[in-house]
Amino acid sequence: MTEYSLLLVRDGDDDVWLAAERGGLVFVYLPASEQFVLHDALSADWLDPSSTMSFVPVTVTDALRIAKDGKLGRHADILRDATERLDAQAVLEPAVQDPRGVADDSRKTLESAPLATWVSLREFPPEEDAEAREWASDVRTGKNSTYAQLGRLEVRTEWTATRTARVVIARRMTPGTEDA
């Protein structure tokens, strides 16, 4: 099975698309058809370092939640003639079936990100604000064993316009080590 990098595409502070990237091609999720569709303009943005769009890695859990929510990808009319389509289940299923679970997926996302790059690893609905803060604290203090071996981490909680709590993490260089 082919694996895709799952991304939240942002335009400034606005979440615009749930996307799957592979080989420089960016496919966006369309809730109405439950498919990922090739988006040529975003593929060009992905490859352009001066693009104003940002591509934030997300875990499979977050991608499934975003897809179920159905709020992103509503500008599907611009992609109605796109011929290259992927079934959402085929994109998301390989990681969902991973017996090690979602924690390993989010850990891999963080490990693969460059040092000092903020990565969104988990989101909590507004009513779970306290749980978001506790989870962030557990990661920060090393109580969350999934991330404890990754070295020095900087953790913060951000709130979206819809009051969703987003926990973001950046790996920092451990004192006494050389920059890779």
Protein backbone atom coordinates (compact mmCIF):
# COMPACT_ATOMS: atom_id res chain seq x y z
CA MET A 1 0.00 0.00 0.00
CA THR A 2 1.15 3.50 -0.77
CA GLU A 3 1.48 5.90 2.13
CA TYR A 4 0.66 9.58 1.91
CA SER A 5 1.76 12.51 4.05
CA LEU A 6 -1.37 13.95 5.61
CA LEU A 7 -1.52 17.73 5.78
CA LEU A 8 -3.71 20.56 6.93
CA VAL A 9 -3.45 23.31 4.32
CA ARG A 10 -3.68 26.80 5.77
CA ASP A 11 -4.03 30.19 4.13
CA GLY A 12 -2.84 32.56 6.83
CA ASP A 13 -4.83 31.62 9.95
CA ASP A 14 -7.58 29.88 7.97
CA ASP A 15 -7.71 26.10 7.67
CA VAL A 16 -8.62 25.50 4.01
CA TRP A 17 -8.05 21.87 3.01
CA LEU A 18 -7.28 18.44 4.37
CA ALA A 19 -4.70 17.08 1.96
CA ALA A 20 -2.65 14.00 1.18
CA GLU A 21 0.75 14.43 -0.50
CA ARG A 22 2.88 11.89 -2.29
CA GLY A 23 5.70 12.52 -4.73
CA GLY A 24 5.04 16.26 -4.91
CA LEU A 25 1.38 15.82 -5.83
CA VAL A 26 -1.21 17.25 -3.43
CA PHE A 27 -4.66 15.70 -3.28
CA VAL A 28 -7.40 17.53 -1.32
CA TYR A 29 -10.29 15.91 0.51
CA LEU A 30 -13.80 16.55 -0.78
CA PRO A 31 -16.37 15.62 1.88
CA ALA A 32 -19.29 15.30 -0.56
CA SER A 33 -17.59 12.53 -2.55
CA GLU A 34 -15.35 11.17 0.24
CA GLN A 35 -12.42 11.33 -2.16
CA PHE A 36 -9.08 13.04 -2.38
CA VAL A 37 -8.73 14.92 -5.69
CA LEU A 38 -5.54 16.15 -7.34
CA HIS A 39 -5.19 19.92 -6.87
CA ASP A 40 -2.62 21.17 -9.39
CA ALA A 41 -2.31 24.68 -7.91
CA LEU A 42 -1.66 23.33 -4.39
CA SER A 43 0.84 20.86 -5.80
CA ALA A 44 2.73 23.84 -7.24
CA ASP A 45 2.46 25.65 -3.87
CA TRP A 46 3.82 22.56 -2.09
CA LEU A 47 6.94 22.68 -4.24
CA ASP A 48 7.32 26.48 -4.07
CA PRO A 49 9.23 27.64 -0.96
CA SER A 50 7.91 31.19 -1.43
CA SER A 51 4.25 30.08 -1.38
CA THR A 52 1.95 31.87 1.05
CA MET A 53 0.13 28.61 1.80
CA SER A 54 1.34 26.56 4.75
CA PHE A 55 1.22 22.79 4.96
CA VAL A 56 0.98 21.46 8.52
CA PRO A 57 1.53 17.71 9.04
CA VAL A 58 -1.38 16.03 10.82
CA THR A 59 -1.82 12.58 12.32
CA VAL A 60 -4.24 10.02 10.97
CA THR A 61 -6.48 10.63 13.99
CA ASP A 62 -6.63 14.34 13.22
CA ALA A 63 -7.19 13.66 9.50
CA LEU A 64 -10.09 11.32 10.27
CA ARG A 65 -11.63 13.89 12.61
CA ILE A 66 -11.22 16.68 10.03
CA ALA A 67 -12.73 14.49 7.31
CA LYS A 68 -15.67 13.51 9.54
CA ASP A 69 -16.22 17.15 10.49
CA GLY A 70 -16.70 18.01 6.80
CA LYS A 71 -15.97 21.73 7.22
CA LEU A 72 -12.94 21.84 4.93
CA GLY A 73 -12.99 21.29 1.20
CA ARG A 74 -16.19 23.15 0.52
CA HIS A 75 -14.71 24.89 -2.52
CA ALA A 76 -14.99 21.65 -4.45
CA ASP A 77 -16.61 23.30 -7.46
CA ILE A 78 -13.18 24.40 -8.70
CA LEU A 79 -12.16 20.73 -8.83
CA ARG A 80 -15.28 19.21 -10.41
CA ASP A 81 -13.39 18.33 -13.63
CA ALA A 82 -10.39 16.80 -11.88
CA THR A 83 -9.82 13.30 -13.17
CA GLU A 84 -7.19 12.02 -10.75
CA ARG A 85 -9.07 10.90 -7.65
CA LEU A 86 -8.27 8.70 -4.66
CA ASP A 87 -10.73 6.95 -2.38
CA ALA A 88 -10.42 8.45 1.11
CA GLN A 89 -10.43 5.02 2.72
CA ALA A 90 -7.47 3.94 0.57
CA VAL A 91 -5.50 7.01 1.70
CA LEU A 92 -6.35 6.81 5.40
CA GLU A 93 -6.78 3.06 5.97
CA PRO A 94 -3.12 1.90 5.94
CA ALA A 95 -2.23 3.99 8.96
CA VAL A 96 -5.52 3.29 10.74
CA GLN A 97 -4.84 -0.44 10.62
CA ASP A 98 -1.37 -0.01 12.13
CA PRO A 99 -1.57 -2.15 15.30
CA ARG A 100 0.84 0.16 17.12
CA GLY A 101 -1.82 2.84 16.98
CA VAL A 102 -2.01 6.51 16.34
CA ALA A 103 0.60 7.49 18.93
CA ASP A 104 3.33 5.94 16.78
CA ASP A 105 1.98 7.80 13.74
CA SER A 106 2.13 11.17 15.51
CA ARG A 107 5.56 10.37 16.90
CA LYS A 108 6.81 9.62 13.36
CA THR A 109 5.34 12.91 12.16
CA LEU A 110 7.24 14.79 14.86
CA GLU A 111 10.47 12.81 14.31
CA SER A 112 10.44 13.54 10.59
CA ALA A 113 9.93 17.29 11.04
CA PRO A 114 13.07 19.45 11.08
CA LEU A 115 14.26 20.72 14.46
CA ALA A 116 12.43 23.84 15.69
CA THR A 117 9.49 23.21 13.35
CA TRP A 118 6.09 23.40 15.04
CA VAL A 119 3.96 20.33 14.34
CA SER A 120 0.28 20.04 15.19
CA LEU A 121 -0.13 16.65 16.84
CA ARG A 122 -3.51 16.69 18.47
CA GLU A 123 -6.68 18.77 18.58
CA PHE A 124 -9.38 18.86 21.22
CA PRO A 125 -12.93 20.21 20.89
CA PRO A 126 -13.75 23.35 22.91
CA GLU A 127 -15.40 21.37 25.72
CA GLU A 128 -12.14 19.43 26.27
CA ASP A 129 -9.95 22.48 26.91
CA ALA A 130 -8.73 21.12 30.27
CA GLU A 131 -7.79 17.76 28.69
CA ALA A 132 -5.79 19.60 26.01
CA ARG A 133 -3.80 21.47 28.63
CA GLU A 134 -3.21 18.29 30.64
CA TRP A 135 -2.07 16.35 27.54
CA ALA A 136 0.31 19.17 26.60
CA SER A 137 1.69 19.24 30.15
CA ASP A 138 2.22 15.46 30.13
CA VAL A 139 4.19 15.70 26.89
CA ARG A 140 6.20 18.69 28.17
CA THR A 141 7.13 16.98 31.46
CA GLY A 142 7.88 13.57 29.93
CA LYS A 143 4.91 11.79 31.52
CA ASN A 144 3.69 10.86 28.03
CA SER A 145 6.10 8.03 27.21
CA THR A 146 5.34 8.17 23.46
CA TYR A 147 7.29 11.42 23.15
CA ALA A 148 9.66 11.16 26.13
CA GLN A 149 12.52 9.63 24.10
CA LEU A 150 12.46 12.37 21.46
CA GLY A 151 14.67 14.64 23.52
CA ARG A 152 13.97 18.24 24.39
CA LEU A 153 10.49 19.32 23.32
CA GLU A 154 8.75 22.65 23.34
CA VAL A 155 4.98 22.29 23.70
CA ARG A 156 2.22 24.87 23.48
CA THR A 157 -1.54 24.96 23.11
CA GLU A 158 -3.13 27.19 20.49
CA TRP A 159 -6.80 27.95 19.91
CA THR A 160 -8.39 28.12 16.49
CA ALA A 161 -11.16 30.50 15.48
CA THR A 162 -13.67 27.79 16.43
CA ARG A 163 -12.06 27.49 19.91
CA THR A 164 -10.59 24.09 19.14
CA ALA A 165 -7.50 23.55 21.27
CA ARG A 166 -4.53 22.52 19.10
CA VAL A 167 -1.43 21.12 20.81
CA VAL A 168 1.71 21.87 18.82
CA ILE A 169 5.18 20.53 19.52
CA ALA A 170 8.68 21.38 18.29
CA ARG A 171 11.82 19.35 18.87
CA ARG A 172 14.75 21.38 20.15
CA MET A 173 18.43 20.55 19.95
CA THR A 174 19.60 18.90 23.14
CA PRO A 175 22.40 20.89 24.80
CA GLY A 176 25.80 19.41 24.03
CA THR A 177 24.83 17.95 20.64
CA GLU A 178 25.81 19.19 17.22
CA ASP A 179 23.25 20.62 14.87
CA ALA A 180 22.42 18.04 12.18
